[in-house]
Amino acid sequence: PKPGWTIEIVPGAAEGSVSEIHFTGGNLPNEWFDQFWIRAKVDAGAAAGRMIHFPVIQKCVDGENDWL
């Protein structure tokens, strides 16, 4: 967990999967940046060479950025 932030992990449909991760409660002024890390494990049965997408939506006090 990132100090000063709360993390919420939303379970996915498949057992042990995750559909969303929310970092909330912290303060990050516009003139600063930070990094929010996640660690993921890909199922051994996944097709080799297949692209995996991690869509990100950054919600701010005055709007949001869609990093899809």
Protein backbone atom coordinates (compact mmCIF):
# COMPACT_ATOMS: atom_id res chain seq x y z
CA PRO A 1 0.00 0.00 0.00
CA LYS A 2 1.05 3.56 -0.73
CA PRO A 3 1.46 5.64 2.47
CA GLY A 4 -1.38 8.16 2.86
CA TRP A 5 -3.64 6.36 0.39
CA THR A 6 -6.35 3.72 0.76
CA ILE A 7 -6.44 0.85 -1.72
CA GLU A 8 -9.65 -0.94 -2.72
CA ILE A 9 -9.43 -4.12 -4.81
CA VAL A 10 -12.62 -5.04 -6.67
CA PRO A 11 -12.85 -8.78 -7.39
CA GLY A 12 -13.40 -9.96 -10.95
CA ALA A 13 -15.82 -12.60 -12.21
CA ALA A 14 -13.26 -15.44 -12.21
CA GLU A 15 -12.00 -16.80 -8.89
CA GLY A 16 -8.93 -14.91 -7.72
CA SER A 17 -9.20 -12.27 -10.46
CA VAL A 18 -9.37 -8.49 -10.04
CA SER A 19 -11.50 -6.14 -12.14
CA GLU A 20 -10.54 -2.79 -10.60
CA ILE A 21 -8.01 -1.23 -8.22
CA HIS A 22 -8.80 2.12 -6.59
CA PHE A 23 -6.25 4.35 -4.82
CA THR A 24 -8.14 7.01 -2.81
CA GLY A 25 -7.79 9.44 0.08
CA GLY A 26 -4.34 10.79 -0.69
CA ASN A 27 -3.37 14.25 -1.85
CA LEU A 28 -1.40 14.83 -5.04
CA PRO A 29 -1.16 18.52 -6.06
CA ASN A 30 -1.17 19.29 -9.81
CA GLU A 31 2.48 20.40 -9.77
CA TRP A 32 3.63 17.00 -8.47
CA PHE A 33 3.55 13.48 -9.86
CA ASP A 34 3.65 10.07 -8.28
CA GLN A 35 3.68 6.43 -9.35
CA PHE A 36 1.10 3.86 -8.32
CA TRP A 37 2.35 0.31 -8.78
CA ILE A 38 0.43 -2.91 -9.20
CA ARG A 39 1.74 -6.43 -9.57
CA ALA A 40 -0.14 -8.87 -11.78
CA LYS A 41 0.17 -12.54 -12.55
CA VAL A 42 -0.90 -13.84 -15.96
CA ASP A 43 -2.56 -17.23 -16.10
CA ALA A 44 -0.26 -19.95 -17.46
CA GLY A 45 -2.93 -20.79 -20.06
CA ALA A 46 -2.84 -17.29 -21.61
CA ALA A 47 -1.86 -17.18 -25.28
CA ALA A 48 1.79 -16.23 -25.82
CA GLY A 49 2.33 -12.91 -27.59
CA ARG A 50 -1.18 -11.65 -26.78
CA MET A 51 -1.35 -8.00 -25.73
CA ILE A 52 -2.84 -7.30 -22.29
CA HIS A 53 -4.40 -3.90 -21.59
CA PHE A 54 -4.55 -2.15 -18.22
CA PRO A 55 -6.96 0.76 -18.73
CA VAL A 56 -6.44 3.63 -16.25
CA ILE A 57 -8.77 6.49 -15.32
CA GLN A 58 -7.26 9.23 -13.17
CA LYS A 59 -9.98 11.09 -11.26
CA CYS A 60 -9.01 14.47 -9.86
CA VAL A 61 -10.72 17.18 -7.81
CA ASP A 62 -11.35 19.16 -11.03
CA GLY A 63 -12.07 16.41 -13.58
CA GLU A 64 -10.43 13.24 -14.80
CA ASN A 65 -7.91 11.90 -17.33
CA ASP A 66 -8.78 8.86 -19.39
CA TRP A 67 -5.55 6.94 -20.06
CA LEU A 68 -7.34 4.25 -22.09
